[in-house]
N, C-alpha and C. Protein backbone atom coordinates (compact mmCIF):
# COMPACT_ATOMS: atom_id res chain seq x y z
N UNK A 1 106.40 110.87 113.84
CA UNK A 1 106.00 112.23 113.56
C UNK A 1 106.14 112.49 112.07
N UNK A 2 105.09 113.00 111.46
CA UNK A 2 105.13 113.39 110.06
C UNK A 2 105.69 114.80 109.97
N UNK A 3 106.70 114.98 109.17
CA UNK A 3 107.31 116.29 109.02
C UNK A 3 106.72 116.99 107.82
N UNK A 4 106.23 118.21 108.04
CA UNK A 4 105.63 118.97 106.96
C UNK A 4 106.31 120.32 106.85
N UNK A 5 106.62 120.72 105.64
CA UNK A 5 107.21 122.02 105.38
C UNK A 5 106.22 122.85 104.58
N UNK A 6 106.31 124.13 104.72
CA UNK A 6 105.43 125.02 103.98
C UNK A 6 105.82 125.00 102.50
N UNK A 7 104.87 124.70 101.69
CA UNK A 7 105.10 124.64 100.25
C UNK A 7 103.86 125.24 99.59
N UNK A 8 104.06 126.32 98.87
CA UNK A 8 102.94 127.08 98.31
C UNK A 8 102.07 126.28 97.34
N UNK A 9 102.69 125.53 96.45
CA UNK A 9 101.94 124.78 95.44
C UNK A 9 102.07 123.27 95.65
N UNK A 10 101.99 122.83 96.91
CA UNK A 10 102.17 121.42 97.22
C UNK A 10 100.84 120.72 97.44
N UNK A 11 100.83 119.46 97.06
CA UNK A 11 99.73 118.56 97.35
C UNK A 11 100.27 117.54 98.34
N UNK A 12 99.78 117.57 99.59
CA UNK A 12 100.26 116.67 100.63
C UNK A 12 99.73 115.27 100.44
N UNK A 13 100.62 114.29 100.61
CA UNK A 13 100.25 112.89 100.57
C UNK A 13 100.77 112.25 101.85
N UNK A 14 99.87 111.82 102.72
CA UNK A 14 100.26 111.12 103.93
C UNK A 14 100.66 109.71 103.54
N UNK A 15 101.95 109.44 103.49
CA UNK A 15 102.52 108.24 102.89
C UNK A 15 102.76 107.20 103.98
N UNK A 16 101.75 106.35 104.23
CA UNK A 16 101.85 105.34 105.27
C UNK A 16 101.46 103.98 104.71
N UNK A 17 101.94 102.93 105.34
CA UNK A 17 101.64 101.58 104.85
C UNK A 17 100.19 101.19 105.13
N UNK A 18 99.49 101.93 105.96
CA UNK A 18 98.09 101.64 106.22
C UNK A 18 97.14 102.61 105.52
N UNK A 19 97.69 103.43 104.62
CA UNK A 19 96.88 104.44 103.94
C UNK A 19 95.97 103.83 102.88
N UNK A 20 94.95 104.59 102.52
CA UNK A 20 94.03 104.16 101.47
C UNK A 20 94.36 104.94 100.19
N UNK A 21 94.98 104.27 99.25
CA UNK A 21 95.38 104.89 97.99
C UNK A 21 94.60 104.28 96.82
N UNK A 22 93.41 103.76 97.10
CA UNK A 22 92.63 103.09 96.06
C UNK A 22 92.09 104.07 95.01
N UNK A 23 91.87 105.31 95.40
CA UNK A 23 91.39 106.33 94.46
C UNK A 23 92.58 107.14 93.94
N UNK A 24 92.65 107.36 92.64
CA UNK A 24 93.74 108.19 92.10
C UNK A 24 93.67 109.61 92.64
N UNK A 25 94.81 110.24 92.72
CA UNK A 25 94.91 111.64 93.14
C UNK A 25 94.95 112.49 91.88
N UNK A 26 94.19 113.56 91.84
CA UNK A 26 94.22 114.49 90.72
C UNK A 26 95.17 115.63 91.05
N UNK A 27 96.04 115.96 90.13
CA UNK A 27 97.00 117.05 90.32
C UNK A 27 97.23 117.72 88.97
N UNK A 28 97.96 118.83 89.01
CA UNK A 28 98.21 119.61 87.79
C UNK A 28 99.71 119.81 87.58
N UNK A 29 100.08 120.02 86.32
CA UNK A 29 101.48 120.35 86.02
C UNK A 29 101.85 121.64 86.74
N UNK A 30 103.01 121.67 87.33
CA UNK A 30 103.45 122.81 88.11
C UNK A 30 103.22 122.60 89.60
N UNK A 31 102.39 121.64 89.94
CA UNK A 31 102.13 121.32 91.34
C UNK A 31 103.24 120.40 91.86
N UNK A 32 103.51 120.47 93.15
CA UNK A 32 104.50 119.60 93.77
C UNK A 32 103.80 118.64 94.71
N UNK A 33 104.08 117.35 94.54
CA UNK A 33 103.58 116.34 95.45
C UNK A 33 104.53 116.31 96.64
N UNK A 34 103.98 116.36 97.84
CA UNK A 34 104.79 116.33 99.05
C UNK A 34 104.43 115.08 99.85
N UNK A 35 105.30 114.07 99.79
CA UNK A 35 105.07 112.81 100.49
C UNK A 35 105.53 112.97 101.94
N UNK A 36 104.60 112.79 102.88
CA UNK A 36 104.88 112.97 104.30
C UNK A 36 104.85 111.61 104.99
N UNK A 37 105.91 111.30 105.74
CA UNK A 37 105.98 110.01 106.42
C UNK A 37 107.02 110.04 107.53
N UNK A 38 107.02 108.98 108.33
CA UNK A 38 108.00 108.85 109.41
C UNK A 38 109.33 108.43 108.80
N UNK A 39 110.43 109.13 109.15
CA UNK A 39 111.74 108.79 108.60
C UNK A 39 112.11 107.32 108.83
N UNK A 40 112.77 106.73 107.88
CA UNK A 40 113.31 105.37 107.84
C UNK A 40 112.24 104.27 107.69
N UNK A 41 110.97 104.62 107.63
CA UNK A 41 109.93 103.61 107.47
C UNK A 41 109.46 103.47 106.02
N UNK A 42 109.71 104.47 105.19
CA UNK A 42 109.19 104.45 103.83
C UNK A 42 110.18 105.09 102.86
N UNK A 43 109.88 104.94 101.57
CA UNK A 43 110.60 105.64 100.52
C UNK A 43 109.61 105.88 99.38
N UNK A 44 110.06 106.59 98.36
CA UNK A 44 109.18 106.90 97.23
C UNK A 44 109.92 106.60 95.93
N UNK A 45 109.28 105.82 95.08
CA UNK A 45 109.77 105.52 93.74
C UNK A 45 108.70 105.91 92.73
N UNK A 46 109.16 106.40 91.59
CA UNK A 46 108.24 106.64 90.48
C UNK A 46 108.28 105.40 89.60
N UNK A 47 107.13 104.81 89.38
CA UNK A 47 107.04 103.59 88.59
C UNK A 47 106.91 103.96 87.11
N UNK A 48 107.61 103.23 86.23
CA UNK A 48 107.64 103.62 84.81
C UNK A 48 106.37 103.35 84.03
N UNK A 49 105.60 102.35 84.45
CA UNK A 49 104.40 101.96 83.70
C UNK A 49 103.31 101.50 84.66
N UNK A 50 102.10 101.41 84.14
CA UNK A 50 100.98 100.89 84.94
C UNK A 50 101.23 99.43 85.30
N UNK A 51 101.81 98.68 84.37
CA UNK A 51 102.10 97.27 84.64
C UNK A 51 103.09 97.12 85.80
N UNK A 52 104.14 97.93 85.79
CA UNK A 52 105.11 97.90 86.89
C UNK A 52 104.43 98.30 88.20
N UNK A 53 103.58 99.31 88.14
CA UNK A 53 102.82 99.78 89.30
C UNK A 53 101.92 98.66 89.83
N UNK A 54 101.13 98.06 88.95
CA UNK A 54 100.20 97.00 89.37
C UNK A 54 100.92 95.81 89.99
N UNK A 55 102.11 95.47 89.45
CA UNK A 55 102.86 94.30 89.91
C UNK A 55 103.94 94.61 90.93
N UNK A 56 104.06 95.89 91.32
CA UNK A 56 105.11 96.31 92.25
C UNK A 56 106.48 95.85 91.77
N UNK A 57 106.74 96.07 90.49
CA UNK A 57 108.02 95.72 89.87
C UNK A 57 108.89 96.98 89.82
N UNK A 58 109.93 97.00 90.64
CA UNK A 58 110.79 98.17 90.77
C UNK A 58 112.03 98.13 89.87
N UNK A 59 112.11 97.16 88.96
CA UNK A 59 113.31 97.00 88.13
C UNK A 59 113.69 98.26 87.36
N UNK A 60 112.74 98.98 86.81
CA UNK A 60 113.04 100.19 86.06
C UNK A 60 112.44 101.44 86.72
N UNK A 61 112.12 101.32 88.00
CA UNK A 61 111.55 102.46 88.74
C UNK A 61 112.64 103.49 89.02
N UNK A 62 112.23 104.73 89.20
CA UNK A 62 113.14 105.83 89.50
C UNK A 62 113.00 106.20 90.97
N UNK A 63 114.12 106.16 91.69
CA UNK A 63 114.13 106.53 93.10
C UNK A 63 113.88 108.03 93.22
N UNK A 64 112.93 108.41 94.07
CA UNK A 64 112.60 109.82 94.28
C UNK A 64 113.15 110.31 95.60
N UNK A 65 113.08 109.52 96.66
CA UNK A 65 113.63 109.94 97.94
C UNK A 65 113.24 109.05 99.10
N UNK A 66 113.94 109.26 100.24
CA UNK A 66 113.65 108.48 101.44
C UNK A 66 113.62 109.34 102.70
N UNK A 67 114.06 110.58 102.64
CA UNK A 67 114.02 111.46 103.80
C UNK A 67 112.84 112.42 103.65
N UNK A 68 111.88 112.35 104.57
CA UNK A 68 110.69 113.19 104.43
C UNK A 68 110.96 114.65 104.77
N UNK A 69 110.20 115.55 104.17
CA UNK A 69 109.25 115.23 103.12
C UNK A 69 109.97 115.00 101.79
N UNK A 70 109.41 114.15 100.97
CA UNK A 70 109.93 113.91 99.63
C UNK A 70 109.06 114.71 98.66
N UNK A 71 109.69 115.52 97.84
CA UNK A 71 108.97 116.36 96.89
C UNK A 71 109.14 115.85 95.47
N UNK A 72 108.07 115.93 94.70
CA UNK A 72 108.11 115.60 93.28
C UNK A 72 107.27 116.63 92.55
N UNK A 73 107.92 117.47 91.72
CA UNK A 73 107.21 118.49 90.98
C UNK A 73 106.80 117.95 89.61
N UNK A 74 105.54 118.10 89.29
CA UNK A 74 105.01 117.62 88.01
C UNK A 74 105.35 118.67 86.96
N UNK A 75 106.12 118.26 85.97
CA UNK A 75 106.58 119.19 84.94
C UNK A 75 105.75 119.06 83.66
N UNK A 76 106.00 119.98 82.74
CA UNK A 76 105.29 119.95 81.45
C UNK A 76 105.64 118.70 80.65
N UNK A 77 106.78 118.10 80.92
CA UNK A 77 107.21 116.92 80.18
C UNK A 77 106.52 115.64 80.65
N UNK A 78 105.78 115.71 81.77
CA UNK A 78 105.13 114.52 82.33
C UNK A 78 103.96 114.08 81.45
N UNK A 79 103.67 112.81 81.52
CA UNK A 79 102.49 112.28 80.84
C UNK A 79 101.22 112.62 81.59
N UNK A 80 100.13 111.97 81.24
CA UNK A 80 98.84 112.25 81.86
C UNK A 80 98.61 111.45 83.14
N UNK A 81 99.44 110.43 83.38
CA UNK A 81 99.30 109.60 84.57
C UNK A 81 100.69 109.31 85.12
N UNK A 82 100.84 109.44 86.44
CA UNK A 82 102.08 109.11 87.13
C UNK A 82 101.78 108.04 88.17
N UNK A 83 102.78 107.21 88.45
CA UNK A 83 102.61 106.13 89.42
C UNK A 83 103.75 106.18 90.42
N UNK A 84 103.42 106.07 91.71
CA UNK A 84 104.41 106.08 92.77
C UNK A 84 104.17 104.91 93.70
N UNK A 85 105.26 104.39 94.32
CA UNK A 85 105.13 103.26 95.24
C UNK A 85 106.25 103.29 96.26
N UNK A 86 106.02 102.58 97.37
CA UNK A 86 107.02 102.39 98.42
C UNK A 86 107.62 101.00 98.29
N UNK A 87 108.94 100.95 98.22
CA UNK A 87 109.65 99.67 98.08
C UNK A 87 110.05 99.09 99.44
N UNK A 88 110.11 99.92 100.44
CA UNK A 88 110.61 99.52 101.76
C UNK A 88 109.72 98.43 102.38
N UNK A 89 110.35 97.40 102.92
CA UNK A 89 109.65 96.32 103.63
C UNK A 89 108.49 95.72 102.83
N UNK A 90 108.59 95.71 101.51
CA UNK A 90 107.53 95.14 100.66
C UNK A 90 106.19 95.85 100.84
N UNK A 91 106.21 97.13 101.21
CA UNK A 91 104.96 97.86 101.43
C UNK A 91 104.08 97.92 100.18
N UNK A 92 104.68 97.99 99.02
CA UNK A 92 103.89 98.04 97.79
C UNK A 92 103.05 96.77 97.65
N UNK A 93 103.70 95.62 97.78
CA UNK A 93 103.01 94.34 97.60
C UNK A 93 102.13 93.98 98.79
N UNK A 94 102.67 94.09 100.00
CA UNK A 94 101.96 93.61 101.18
C UNK A 94 100.94 94.59 101.73
N UNK A 95 101.19 95.88 101.59
CA UNK A 95 100.31 96.90 102.19
C UNK A 95 99.64 97.79 101.14
N UNK A 96 99.88 97.51 99.86
CA UNK A 96 99.29 98.28 98.77
C UNK A 96 99.63 99.77 98.86
N UNK A 97 100.87 100.06 99.29
CA UNK A 97 101.31 101.45 99.42
C UNK A 97 101.84 101.94 98.08
N UNK A 98 100.88 102.37 97.25
CA UNK A 98 101.18 102.89 95.93
C UNK A 98 100.03 103.80 95.53
N UNK A 99 100.34 104.80 94.71
CA UNK A 99 99.31 105.77 94.35
C UNK A 99 99.44 106.17 92.89
N UNK A 100 98.30 106.29 92.24
CA UNK A 100 98.21 106.79 90.87
C UNK A 100 97.88 108.27 90.93
N UNK A 101 98.57 109.09 90.15
CA UNK A 101 98.31 110.51 90.08
C UNK A 101 97.89 110.85 88.66
N UNK A 102 96.67 111.36 88.51
CA UNK A 102 96.17 111.80 87.21
C UNK A 102 96.55 113.26 87.02
N UNK A 103 97.25 113.55 85.94
CA UNK A 103 97.67 114.92 85.64
C UNK A 103 96.60 115.54 84.74
N UNK A 104 95.91 116.54 85.29
CA UNK A 104 94.73 117.09 84.61
C UNK A 104 94.94 118.43 83.95
N UNK A 105 96.15 118.76 83.62
CA UNK A 105 96.41 120.05 82.97
C UNK A 105 97.40 120.86 83.77
N UNK A 106 97.44 122.16 83.47
CA UNK A 106 98.38 123.06 84.11
C UNK A 106 97.75 123.73 85.32
N UNK A 107 98.60 124.06 86.28
CA UNK A 107 98.12 124.74 87.48
C UNK A 107 97.66 126.14 87.11
N UNK A 108 96.60 126.59 87.71
CA UNK A 108 96.10 127.94 87.42
C UNK A 108 96.53 128.88 88.54
N UNK A 109 96.94 130.05 88.15
CA UNK A 109 97.43 131.03 89.14
C UNK A 109 96.30 131.83 89.70
């Protein structure tokens, strides 16, 4: 069961090992990414670089969470591109469970 909570400025991401993350997700600063998944099957890491993302190298990745939903708010300090991946059970490498998020500016009210 995917657990979803009401979040006014959230962008839902169905975070599964069989998901299609080939297209980048567009989001804005001030928006919150809400990773939805079955507990104990996945986790979320922020990857430091595109190279780390491409190679599923978690050496300098930042742990974001493992209990769904996992929230990540895009702040003004963020760059123009963010990378996230699942480390659990080699999902990043074996199932391509990783997503690029393009930050396209500030959220409009």
